[in-house]
PDB file of N, CA and C in Angstrom:
ATOM      1  N   MET A   1       3.068 -97.502 -34.327  1.00  0.00           N
ATOM      2  CA  MET A   1       4.553 -96.384 -34.752  1.00  0.00           C
ATOM      3  C   MET A   1       5.365 -95.889 -32.737  1.00  0.00           C
ATOM      4  N   VAL A   2       5.516 -95.883 -33.069  1.00  0.00           N
ATOM      5  CA  VAL A   2       7.234 -95.215 -32.376  1.00  0.00           C
ATOM      6  C   VAL A   2       7.912 -94.233 -32.688  1.00  0.00           C
ATOM      7  N   GLY A   3       7.299 -93.256 -31.453  1.00  0.00           N
ATOM      8  CA  GLY A   3       8.465 -91.918 -31.784  1.00  0.00           C
ATOM      9  C   GLY A   3       8.685 -91.803 -33.739  1.00  0.00           C
ATOM     10  N   GLY A   4       8.157 -91.898 -34.068  1.00  0.00           N
ATOM     11  CA  GLY A   4       7.521 -91.828 -35.199  1.00  0.00           C
ATOM     12  C   GLY A   4       7.771 -92.385 -36.922  1.00  0.00           C
ATOM     13  N   LEU A   5       8.260 -93.848 -35.776  1.00  0.00           N
ATOM     14  CA  LEU A   5       8.817 -95.215 -36.198  1.00  0.00           C
ATOM     15  C   LEU A   5       7.671 -95.691 -36.653  1.00  0.00           C
ATOM     16  N   GLY A   6       7.825 -96.269 -37.925  1.00  0.00           N
ATOM     17  CA  GLY A   6       6.818 -97.767 -38.229  1.00  0.00           C
ATOM     18  C   GLY A   6       7.240 -98.871 -38.167  1.00  0.00           C
ATOM     19  N   PRO A   7       6.464 -99.877 -37.982  1.00  0.00           N
ATOM     20  CA  PRO A   7       7.800-101.555 -38.048  1.00  0.00           C
ATOM     21  C   PRO A   7       8.308-101.475 -38.707  1.00  0.00           C
ATOM     22  N   LEU A   8       8.604-101.425 -40.326  1.00  0.00           N
ATOM     23  CA  LEU A   8       9.697-101.334 -41.346  1.00  0.00           C
ATOM     24  C   LEU A   8      11.206-100.700 -40.552  1.00  0.00           C
ATOM     25  N   GLU A   9      10.627 -99.860 -40.180  1.00  0.00           N
ATOM     26  CA  GLU A   9      11.815 -98.853 -39.655  1.00  0.00           C
ATOM     27  C   GLU A   9      12.830 -99.959 -38.164  1.00  0.00           C
ATOM     28  N   LEU A  10      11.402 -99.519 -37.453  1.00  0.00           N
ATOM     29  CA  LEU A  10      11.843-100.664 -35.697  1.00  0.00           C
ATOM     30  C   LEU A  10      12.654-101.888 -36.491  1.00  0.00           C
ATOM     31  N   SER A  11      12.358-102.340 -37.317  1.00  0.00           N
ATOM     32  CA  SER A  11      12.436-103.736 -37.635  1.00  0.00           C
ATOM     33  C   SER A  11      14.052-103.606 -38.489  1.00  0.00           C
ATOM     34  N   ILE A  12      14.143-102.649 -39.179  1.00  0.00           N
ATOM     35  CA  ILE A  12      15.753-102.188 -39.701  1.00  0.00           C
ATOM     36  C   ILE A  12      16.246-102.034 -39.140  1.00  0.00           C
ATOM     37  N   LEU A  13      16.530-100.966 -37.533  1.00  0.00           N
ATOM     38  CA  LEU A  13      16.681-100.492 -36.946  1.00  0.00           C
ATOM     39  C   LEU A  13      17.623-102.037 -35.526  1.00  0.00           C
ATOM     40  N   LEU A  14      16.388-103.061 -35.623  1.00  0.00           N
ATOM     41  CA  LEU A  14      16.661-104.279 -34.489  1.00  0.00           C
ATOM     42  C   LEU A  14      18.111-105.249 -35.407  1.00  0.00           C
ATOM     43  N   LEU A  15      17.298-105.081 -36.740  1.00  0.00           N
ATOM     44  CA  LEU A  15      18.523-105.537 -37.595  1.00  0.00           C
ATOM     45  C   LEU A  15      20.234-105.147 -37.449  1.00  0.00           C
ATOM     46  N   LEU A  16      20.018-103.976 -37.217  1.00  0.00           N
ATOM     47  CA  LEU A  16      21.634-102.904 -37.256  1.00  0.00           C
ATOM     48  C   LEU A  16      21.916-103.200 -36.336  1.00  0.00           C
ATOM     49  N   PHE A  17      21.084-103.584 -35.187  1.00  0.00           N
ATOM     50  CA  PHE A  17      22.209-103.480 -33.816  1.00  0.00           C
ATOM     51  C   PHE A  17      22.285-104.186 -33.187  1.00  0.00           C
ATOM     52  N   PHE A  18      20.978-105.918 -34.324  1.00  0.00           N
ATOM     53  CA  PHE A  18      22.030-107.550 -34.329  1.00  0.00           C
ATOM     54  C   PHE A  18      23.647-107.440 -34.803  1.00  0.00           C
ATOM     55  N   VAL A  19      23.509-106.878 -35.851  1.00  0.00           N
ATOM     56  CA  VAL A  19      24.618-106.546 -37.336  1.00  0.00           C
ATOM     57  C   VAL A  19      25.621-106.153 -36.499  1.00  0.00           C
ATOM     58  N   LEU A  20      25.674-105.035 -35.908  1.00  0.00           N
ATOM     59  CA  LEU A  20      27.107-103.948 -34.994  1.00  0.00           C
ATOM     60  C   LEU A  20      27.427-104.969 -34.017  1.00  0.00           C
ATOM     61  N   PHE A  21      26.292-104.956 -32.780  1.00  0.00           N
ATOM     62  CA  PHE A  21      27.050-105.784 -31.527  1.00  0.00           C
ATOM     63  C   PHE A  21      26.641-107.020 -31.350  1.00  0.00           C
ATOM     64  N   GLY A  22      25.975-107.728 -31.928  1.00  0.00           N
ATOM     65  CA  GLY A  22      25.840-108.856 -32.004  1.00  0.00           C
ATOM     66  C   GLY A  22      24.521-109.700 -30.983  1.00  0.00           C
ATOM     67  N   ALA A  23      24.442-110.846 -31.280  1.00  0.00           N
ATOM     68  CA  ALA A  23      23.259-111.051 -30.540  1.00  0.00           C
ATOM     69  C   ALA A  23      23.664-111.543 -28.735  1.00  0.00           C
ATOM     70  N   GLN A  24      24.632-111.262 -28.804  1.00  0.00           N
ATOM     71  CA  GLN A  24      24.734-112.040 -27.428  1.00  0.00           C
ATOM     72  C   GLN A  24      25.490-110.323 -26.648  1.00  0.00           C
ATOM     73  N   ARG A  25      26.206-109.629 -27.317  1.00  0.00           N
ATOM     74  CA  ARG A  25      26.249-108.029 -26.445  1.00  0.00           C
ATOM     75  C   ARG A  25      24.818-107.481 -26.104  1.00  0.00           C
ATOM     76  N   LEU A  26      23.968-107.563 -27.170  1.00  0.00           N
ATOM     77  CA  LEU A  26      22.279-106.468 -26.823  1.00  0.00           C
ATOM     78  C   LEU A  26      21.698-107.063 -25.164  1.00  0.00           C
ATOM     79  N   PRO A  27      21.993-108.337 -24.717  1.00  0.00           N
ATOM     80  CA  PRO A  27      21.778-108.587 -22.736  1.00  0.00           C
ATOM     81  C   PRO A  27      21.927-107.467 -22.426  1.00  0.00           C
ATOM     82  N   GLU A  28      23.606-107.233 -22.457  1.00  0.00           N
ATOM     83  CA  GLU A  28      24.319-106.632 -21.689  1.00  0.00           C
ATOM     84  C   GLU A  28      24.674-105.005 -21.655  1.00  0.00           C
ATOM     85  N   LEU A  29      23.930-104.797 -23.239  1.00  0.00           N
ATOM     86  CA  LEU A  29      23.493-103.046 -23.400  1.00  0.00           C
ATOM     87  C   LEU A  29      22.016-103.078 -22.745  1.00  0.00           C
ATOM     88  N   ALA A  30      21.099-103.739 -22.972  1.00  0.00           N
ATOM     89  CA  ALA A  30      20.195-103.577 -21.951  1.00  0.00           C
ATOM     90  C   ALA A  30      19.966-103.715 -21.019  1.00  0.00           C
ATOM     91  N   ASN A  31      21.421-104.492 -20.143  1.00  0.00           N
ATOM     92  CA  ASN A  31      21.352-104.431 -18.600  1.00  0.00           C
ATOM     93  C   ASN A  31      21.903-103.372 -18.689  1.00  0.00           C
ATOM     94  N   ALA A  32      22.836-102.944 -18.769  1.00  0.00           N
ATOM     95  CA  ALA A  32      23.617-101.178 -18.647  1.00  0.00           C
ATOM     96  C   ALA A  32      22.231-100.351 -18.741  1.00  0.00           C
ATOM     97  N   LEU A  33      21.518-100.335 -20.290  1.00  0.00           N
ATOM     98  CA  LEU A  33      20.484 -98.929 -19.720  1.00  0.00           C
ATOM     99  C   LEU A  33      19.855 -98.929 -18.379  1.00  0.00           C
ATOM    100  N   GLY A  34      19.060-100.326 -18.662  1.00  0.00           N
ATOM    101  CA  GLY A  34      18.768-100.730 -16.813  1.00  0.00           C
ATOM    102  C   GLY A  34      19.160 -99.769 -15.960  1.00  0.00           C
ATOM    103  N   ARG A  35      20.455 -99.947 -15.797  1.00  0.00           N
ATOM    104  CA  ARG A  35      21.044 -99.988 -14.511  1.00  0.00           C
ATOM    105  C   ARG A  35      21.309 -98.232 -14.340  1.00  0.00           C
ATOM    106  N   SER A  36      20.843 -98.340 -15.718  1.00  0.00           N
ATOM    107  CA  SER A  36      22.014 -96.592 -15.999  1.00  0.00           C
ATOM    108  C   SER A  36      20.508 -95.507 -15.280  1.00  0.00           C
ATOM    109  N   LYS A  37      19.226 -96.647 -15.436  1.00  0.00           N
ATOM    110  CA  LYS A  37      18.308 -95.212 -15.125  1.00  0.00           C
ATOM    111  C   LYS A  37      18.009 -95.518 -14.720  1.00  0.00           C
ATOM    112  N   GLY A  38      18.450 -96.223 -13.192  1.00  0.00           N
ATOM    113  CA  GLY A  38      18.366 -97.253 -11.996  1.00  0.00           C
ATOM    114  C   GLY A  38      19.038 -95.625 -11.391  1.00  0.00           C
ATOM    115  N   GLU A  39      20.631 -95.376 -12.229  1.00  0.00           N
ATOM    116  CA  GLU A  39      21.130 -94.857 -11.104  1.00  0.00           C
ATOM    117  C   GLU A  39      20.441 -92.686 -11.261  1.00  0.00           C
ATOM    118  N   PHE A  40      19.867 -93.312 -13.002  1.00  0.00           N
ATOM    119  CA  PHE A  40      19.674 -91.845 -12.667  1.00  0.00           C
ATOM    120  C   PHE A  40      18.468 -91.188 -12.048  1.00  0.00           C
ATOM    121  N   HIS A  41      17.279 -92.595 -11.304  1.00  0.00           N
ATOM    122  CA  HIS A  41      16.313 -92.162 -10.706  1.00  0.00           C
ATOM    123  C   HIS A  41      16.699 -92.108  -9.460  1.00  0.00           C
ATOM    124  N   LYS A  42      17.689 -92.366  -8.986  1.00  0.00           N
ATOM    125  CA  LYS A  42      18.269 -92.890  -7.242  1.00  0.00           C
ATOM    126  C   LYS A  42      18.599 -91.453  -6.923  1.00  0.00           C
ATOM    127  N   GLY A  43      19.734 -90.650  -8.445  1.00  0.00           N
ATOM    128  CA  GLY A  43      19.924 -89.894  -8.323  1.00  0.00           C
ATOM    129  C   GLY A  43      18.571 -88.058  -8.214  1.00  0.00           C
ATOM    130  N   LEU A  44      17.477 -88.397  -9.038  1.00  0.00           N
ATOM    131  CA  LEU A  44      17.254 -87.796  -9.531  1.00  0.00           C
ATOM    132  C   LEU A  44      16.800 -87.306  -7.286  1.00  0.00           C
ATOM    133  N   THR A  45      16.051 -88.589  -6.921  1.00  0.00           N
ATOM    134  CA  THR A  45      15.238 -88.763  -6.072  1.00  0.00           C
ATOM    135  C   THR A  45      16.508 -88.344  -4.750  1.00  0.00           C
ATOM    136  N   GLU A  46      17.693 -88.370  -5.005  1.00  0.00           N
ATOM    137  CA  GLU A  46      18.431 -87.671  -3.548  1.00  0.00           C
ATOM    138  C   GLU A  46      18.739 -86.096  -3.854  1.00  0.00           C
ATOM    139  N   ALA A  47      18.066 -86.159  -5.057  1.00  0.00           N
ATOM    140  CA  ALA A  47      18.207 -84.012  -5.486  1.00  0.00           C
ATOM    141  C   ALA A  47      16.692 -83.408  -5.424  1.00  0.00           C
ATOM    142  N   THR A  48      16.044 -83.958  -5.292  1.00  0.00           N
ATOM    143  CA  THR A  48      14.552 -83.671  -4.930  1.00  0.00           C
ATOM    144  C   THR A  48      14.590 -83.967  -3.093  1.00  0.00           C
ATOM    145  N   SER A  49      15.623 -84.728  -2.354  1.00  0.00           N
ATOM    146  CA  SER A  49      15.674 -83.710  -0.800  1.00  0.00           C
ATOM    147  C   SER A  49      16.688 -83.626  -0.333  1.00  0.00           C
ATOM    148  N   MET A  50      16.063 -82.234  -1.043  1.00  0.00           N
ATOM    149  CA  MET A  50      17.530 -81.102  -1.030  1.00  0.00           C
ATOM    150  C   MET A  50      16.687 -80.219   0.458  1.00  0.00           C
ATOM    151  N   GLY A  51      15.693 -80.619   0.597  1.00  0.00           N
ATOM    152  CA  GLY A  51      14.600 -79.540   0.880  1.00  0.00           C
ATOM    153  C   GLY A  51      15.679 -79.824   2.950  1.00  0.00           C
ATOM    154  N   GLU A  52      15.459 -80.865   2.555  1.00  0.00           N
ATOM    155  CA  GLU A  52      16.864 -81.113   3.791  1.00  0.00           C
ATOM    156  C   GLU A  52      17.760 -80.680   4.226  1.00  0.00           C
ATOM    157  N   ALA A  53      18.884 -80.761   3.225  1.00  0.00           N
ATOM    158  CA  ALA A  53      20.139 -80.082   3.385  1.00  0.00           C
ATOM    159  C   ALA A  53      19.655 -78.451   3.884  1.00  0.00           C
ATOM    160  N   ALA A  54      18.985 -78.177   3.493  1.00  0.00           N
ATOM    161  CA  ALA A  54      18.544 -76.178   3.863  1.00  0.00           C
ATOM    162  C   ALA A  54      17.700 -76.448   5.097  1.00  0.00           C
ATOM    163  N   ARG A  55      17.045 -77.171   5.387  1.00  0.00           N
ATOM    164  CA  ARG A  55      16.845 -77.247   6.923  1.00  0.00           C
ATOM    165  C   ARG A  55      18.268 -76.965   7.935  1.00  0.00           C
ATOM    166  N   THR A  56      19.655 -77.863   6.846  1.00  0.00           N
ATOM    167  CA  THR A  56      20.476 -78.671   7.775  1.00  0.00           C
ATOM    168  C   THR A  56      20.952 -77.117   8.132  1.00  0.00           C
ATOM    169  N   VAL A  57      21.494 -76.481   6.610  1.00  0.00           N
ATOM    170  CA  VAL A  57      22.141 -75.260   6.845  1.00  0.00           C
ATOM    171  C   VAL A  57      21.724 -74.464   7.812  1.00  0.00           C
ATOM    172  N   ALA A  58      20.150 -74.412   7.696  1.00  0.00           N
ATOM    173  CA  ALA A  58      19.349 -72.875   8.317  1.00  0.00           C
ATOM    174  C   ALA A  58      19.609 -72.959   9.574  1.00  0.00           C
ATOM    175  N   ASP A  59      20.163 -74.334  10.459  1.00  0.00           N
ATOM    176  CA  ASP A  59      20.140 -75.285  11.718  1.00  0.00           C
ATOM    177  C   ASP A  59      21.799 -74.294  12.232  1.00  0.00           C
ATOM    178  N   LEU A  60      22.983 -74.957  11.243  1.00  0.00           N
ATOM    179  CA  LEU A  60      24.327 -74.527  11.487  1.00  0.00           C
ATOM    180  C   LEU A  60      23.978 -73.505  11.723  1.00  0.00           C
ATOM    181  N   GLU A  61      23.355 -72.252  10.556  1.00  0.00           N
ATOM    182  CA  GLU A  61      23.653 -70.465  10.284  1.00  0.00           C
ATOM    183  C   GLU A  61      22.988 -70.152  11.711  1.00  0.00           C
ATOM    184  N   ALA A  62      21.987 -71.590  12.296  1.00  0.00           N
ATOM    185  CA  ALA A  62      21.828 -70.707  14.039  1.00  0.00           C
ATOM    186  C   ALA A  62      22.554 -71.081  15.302  1.00  0.00           C
ATOM    187  N   GLY A  63      23.663 -71.425  14.787  1.00  0.00           N
ATOM    188  CA  GLY A  63      24.510 -71.954  15.613  1.00  0.00           C
ATOM    189  C   GLY A  63      24.639 -73.142  16.549  1.00  0.00           C
ATOM    190  N   GLY A  64      23.471 -73.751  16.308  1.00  0.00           N
ATOM    191  CA  GLY A  64      22.609 -75.336  16.643  1.00  0.00           C
ATOM    192  C   GLY A  64      21.960 -74.559  18.008  1.00  0.00           C
ATOM    193  N   ARG A  65      21.551 -73.933  17.832  1.00  0.00           N
ATOM    194  CA  ARG A  65      20.336 -73.591  18.555  1.00  0.00           C
ATOM    195  C   ARG A  65      19.059 -73.877  18.429  1.00  0.00           C
ATOM    196  N   THR A  66      18.042 -73.772  19.356  1.00  0.00           N
ATOM    197  CA  THR A  66      16.819 -73.977  18.795  1.00  0.00           C
ATOM    198  C   THR A  66      15.643 -72.734  18.126  1.00  0.00           C
ATOM    199  N   PRO A  67      14.951 -72.483  17.433  1.00  0.00           N
ATOM    200  CA  PRO A  67      14.231 -71.368  17.415  1.00  0.00           C
ATOM    201  C   PRO A  67      14.095 -70.178  18.288  1.00  0.00           C
ATOM    202  N   ASP A  68      13.410 -70.613  19.225  1.00  0.00           N
ATOM    203  CA  ASP A  68      12.760 -70.487  21.094  1.00  0.00           C
ATOM    204  C   ASP A  68      14.190 -69.971  21.641  1.00  0.00           C
ATOM    205  N   GLN A  69      15.773 -70.630  21.369  1.00  0.00           N
ATOM    206  CA  GLN A  69      16.924 -69.758  21.824  1.00  0.00           C
ATOM    207  C   GLN A  69      16.929 -68.825  21.480  1.00  0.00           C
ATOM    208  N   VAL A  70      16.447 -68.857  20.184  1.00  0.00           N
ATOM    209  CA  VAL A  70      17.449 -67.449  20.125  1.00  0.00           C
ATOM    210  C   VAL A  70      16.538 -66.534  19.273  1.00  0.00           C
ATOM    211  N   LEU A  71      14.790 -66.707  20.102  1.00  0.00           N
ATOM    212  CA  LEU A  71      14.271 -65.793  20.410  1.00  0.00           C
ATOM    213  C   LEU A  71      13.926 -65.497  21.477  1.00  0.00           C
ATOM    214  N   MET A  72      15.086 -65.728  22.563  1.00  0.00           N
ATOM    215  CA  MET A  72      15.414 -66.032  23.578  1.00  0.00           C
ATOM    216  C   MET A  72      16.242 -64.793  23.535  1.00  0.00           C
ATOM    217  N   ASP A  73      17.548 -65.127  22.790  1.00  0.00           N
ATOM    218  CA  ASP A  73      18.515 -64.180  22.877  1.00  0.00           C
ATOM    219  C   ASP A  73      17.956 -62.807  22.414  1.00  0.00           C
ATOM    220  N   ARG A  74      17.545 -62.747  21.048  1.00  0.00           N
ATOM    221  CA  ARG A  74      17.197 -60.901  20.428  1.00  0.00           C
ATOM    222  C   ARG A  74      16.520 -60.678  21.858  1.00  0.00           C
ATOM    223  N   ALA A  75      15.394 -61.673  22.565  1.00  0.00           N
ATOM    224  CA  ALA A  75      14.708 -60.681  23.450  1.00  0.00           C
ATOM    225  C   ALA A  75      15.992 -60.240  25.042  1.00  0.00           C
ATOM    226  N   LYS A  76      16.469 -60.689  25.622  1.00  0.00           N
ATOM    227  CA  LYS A  76      17.803 -60.254  25.997  1.00  0.00           C
ATOM    228  C   LYS A  76      18.350 -59.073  26.017  1.00  0.00           C
ATOM    229  N   SER A  77      18.486 -59.680  24.204  1.00  0.00           N
ATOM    230  CA  SER A  77      19.438 -58.140  23.154  1.00  0.00           C
ATOM    231  C   SER A  77      18.799 -57.065  23.297  1.00  0.00           C
ATOM    232  N   VAL A  78      16.845 -56.843  23.439  1.00  0.00           N
ATOM    233  CA  VAL A  78      16.645 -56.024  23.594  1.00  0.00           C
ATOM    234  C   VAL A  78      16.295 -55.103  24.540  1.00  0.00           C
ATOM    235  N   GLY A  79      16.403 -55.489  26.412  1.00  0.00           N
ATOM    236  CA  GLY A  79      16.817 -55.799  27.095  1.00  0.00           C
ATOM    237  C   GLY A  79      15.326 -56.263  28.043  1.00  0.00           C
ATOM    238  N   LEU A  80      14.733 -57.435  27.013  1.00  0.00           N
ATOM    239  CA  LEU A  80      13.420 -57.825  27.682  1.00  0.00           C
ATOM    240  C   LEU A  80      13.758 -59.253  28.759  1.00  0.00           C
ATOM    241  N   GLU A  81      13.233 -59.595  29.198  1.00  0.00           N
ATOM    242  CA  GLU A  81      13.153 -60.607  30.603  1.00  0.00           C
ATOM    243  C   GLU A  81      12.268 -61.382  29.821  1.00  0.00           C
ATOM    244  N   PRO A  82      12.795 -62.070  29.581  1.00  0.00           N
ATOM    245  CA  PRO A  82      11.598 -63.332  28.627  1.00  0.00           C
ATOM    246  C   PRO A  82      11.213 -65.210  29.363  1.00  0.00           C
ATOM    247  N   ALA A  83      11.321 -65.022  30.702  1.00  0.00           N
ATOM    248  CA  ALA A  83      11.353 -65.595  31.879  1.00  0.00           C
ATOM    249  C   ALA A  83       9.678 -65.479  32.061  1.00  0.00           C
ATOM    250  N   GLY A  84       8.805 -66.693  31.694  1.00  0.00           N
ATOM    251  CA  GLY A  84       7.356 -66.505  31.648  1.00  0.00           C
ATOM    252  C   GLY A  84       6.323 -65.879  31.141  1.00  0.00           C
ATOM    253  N   MET A  85       7.052 -65.627  30.290  1.00  0.00           N
ATOM    254  CA  MET A  85       6.182 -64.783  28.793  1.00  0.00           C
ATOM    255  C   MET A  85       5.826 -66.419  27.747  1.00  0.00           C
ATOM    256  N   PRO A  86       4.782 -66.076  27.440  1.00  0.00           N
ATOM    257  CA  PRO A  86       4.183 -66.752  26.210  1.00  0.00           C
ATOM    258  C   PRO A  86       4.843 -66.871  24.991  1.00  0.00           C
ATOM    259  N   VAL A  87       5.418 -67.240  23.880  1.00  0.00           N
ATOM    260  CA  VAL A  87       6.218 -67.079  22.888  1.00  0.00           C
ATOM    261  C   VAL A  87       5.500 -66.808  22.000  1.00  0.00           C
ATOM    262  N   GLU A  88       4.587 -66.363  20.973  1.00  0.00           N
ATOM    263  CA  GLU A  88       3.039 -65.257  20.345  1.00  0.00           C
ATOM    264  C   GLU A  88       3.906 -63.964  21.403  1.00  0.00           C
ATOM    265  N   GLU A  89       3.524 -63.769  22.358  1.00  0.00           N
ATOM    266  CA  GLU A  89       3.777 -62.517  23.066  1.00  0.00           C
ATOM    267  C   GLU A  89       5.011 -62.148  23.197  1.00  0.00           C
ATOM    268  N   LEU A  90       6.441 -62.561  23.742  1.00  0.00           N
ATOM    269  CA  LEU A  90       7.306 -62.489  23.553  1.00  0.00           C
ATOM    270  C   LEU A  90       8.024 -61.678  22.229  1.00  0.00           C
ATOM    271  N   GLU A  91       7.633 -62.538  20.770  1.00  0.00           N
ATOM    272  CA  GLU A  91       7.805 -62.896  19.483  1.00  0.00           C
ATOM    273  C   GLU A  91       7.044 -61.181  19.578  1.00  0.00           C
ATOM    274  N   LYS A  92       5.958 -61.032  19.493  1.00  0.00           N
ATOM    275  CA  LYS A  92       5.230 -59.362  19.459  1.00  0.00           C
ATOM    276  C   LYS A  92       6.446 -58.427  19.877  1.00  0.00           C
ATOM    277  N   LYS A  93       6.237 -58.539  21.071  1.00  0.00           N
ATOM    278  CA  LYS A  93       6.930 -57.798  21.286  1.00  0.00           C
ATOM    279  C   LYS A  93       8.478 -57.083  21.684  1.00  0.00           C
ATOM    280  N   VAL A  94       9.717 -58.139  21.196  1.00  0.00           N
ATOM    281  CA  VAL A  94      10.769 -58.679  20.515  1.00  0.00           C
ATOM    282  C   VAL A  94      11.109 -57.708  19.167  1.00  0.00           C
ATOM    283  N   GLU A  95       9.567 -58.176  18.272  1.00  0.00           N
ATOM    284  CA  GLU A  95       9.681 -57.676  16.701  1.00  0.00           C
ATOM    285  C   GLU A  95       9.334 -55.632  17.167  1.00  0.00           C
ATOM    286  N   ALA A  96       8.293 -55.814  18.157  1.00  0.00           N
ATOM    287  CA  ALA A  96       8.381 -54.118  18.271  1.00  0.00           C
ATOM    288  C   ALA A  96       9.284 -53.312  18.869  1.00  0.00           C
ATOM    289  N   LEU A  97      10.230 -53.466  19.678  1.00  0.00           N
ATOM    290  CA  LEU A  97      11.303 -53.090  20.223  1.00  0.00           C
ATOM    291  C   LEU A  97      12.385 -53.031  19.192  1.00  0.00           C
ATOM    292  N   GLU A  98      12.316 -54.624  18.022  1.00  0.00           N
ATOM    293  CA  GLU A  98      13.406 -54.108  17.538  1.00  0.00           C
ATOM    294  C   GLU A  98      12.947 -53.008  16.226  1.00  0.00           C
ATOM    295  N   ALA A  99      11.785 -53.335  16.033  1.00  0.00           N
ATOM    296  CA  ALA A  99      11.570 -51.768  15.475  1.00  0.00           C
ATOM    297  C   ALA A  99      11.195 -50.479  15.813  1.00  0.00           C
ATOM    298  N   LEU A 100      11.685 -50.592  17.089  1.00  0.00           N
ATOM    299  CA  LEU A 100      11.495 -49.470  17.349  1.00  0.00           C
ATOM    300  C   LEU A 100      13.001 -48.887  17.463  1.00  0.00           C
ATOM    301  N   GLN A 101      13.988 -50.197  18.147  1.00  0.00           N
ATOM    302  CA  GLN A 101      15.158 -49.561  17.949  1.00  0.00           C
ATOM    303  C   GLN A 101      15.586 -48.686  16.542  1.00  0.00           C
ATOM    304  N   SER A 102      15.892 -49.883  15.228  1.00  0.00           N
ATOM    305  CA  SER A 102      16.145 -49.530  14.151  1.00  0.00           C
ATOM    306  C   SER A 102      15.786 -48.426  13.265  1.00  0.00           C
ATOM    307  N   SER A 103      14.548 -47.949  14.304  1.00  0.00           N
ATOM    308  CA  SER A 103      13.823 -46.378  13.756  1.00  0.00           C
ATOM    309  C   SER A 103      14.391 -44.945  14.113  1.00  0.00           C
ATOM    310  N   GLU A 104      15.188 -45.757  15.738  1.00  0.00           N
ATOM    311  CA  GLU A 104      15.961 -45.075  16.274  1.00  0.00           C
ATOM    312  C   GLU A 104      17.475 -44.657  15.783  1.00  0.00           C
ATOM    313  N   GLU A 105      17.558 -45.827  15.477  1.00  0.00           N
ATOM    314  CA  GLU A 105      19.090 -45.673  14.480  1.00  0.00           C
ATOM    315  C   GLU A 105      19.407 -44.538  13.347  1.00  0.00           C
ATOM    316  N   ASN A 106      17.548 -44.140  13.118  1.00  0.00           N
ATOM    317  CA  ASN A 106      18.252 -44.564  12.000  1.00  0.00           C
ATOM    318  C   ASN A 106      18.144 -42.601  11.851  1.00  0.00           C
ATOM    319  N   GLU A 107      17.282 -42.241  12.547  1.00  0.00           N
ATOM    320  CA  GLU A 107      17.288 -41.119  13.400  1.00  0.00           C
ATOM    321  C   GLU A 107      18.792 -40.061  12.782  1.00  0.00           C
TER     322      GLU A 107
END
């Protein structure tokens, strides 16, 4: 039983397809159906790989700069000289100074 159809119903449907489309046309229809399925899976694969597009948008928004370059610019904008500082320490100091500046602006 396929999809609630028994063997008698399936044979009637098959006979109906032969009458409507002819024996020569059925393989063409099956081939077209297979190609359609392949195209669907290809499109599905492309749609699921859109994560790469999101990364590309983030890169464009950063102006083509690396995350380290963006951090260096942020450090310079808050008055820090980033030369020789480890990245983790620099991130903490930049975040602290940015928070301090934003709290001063809110007062």
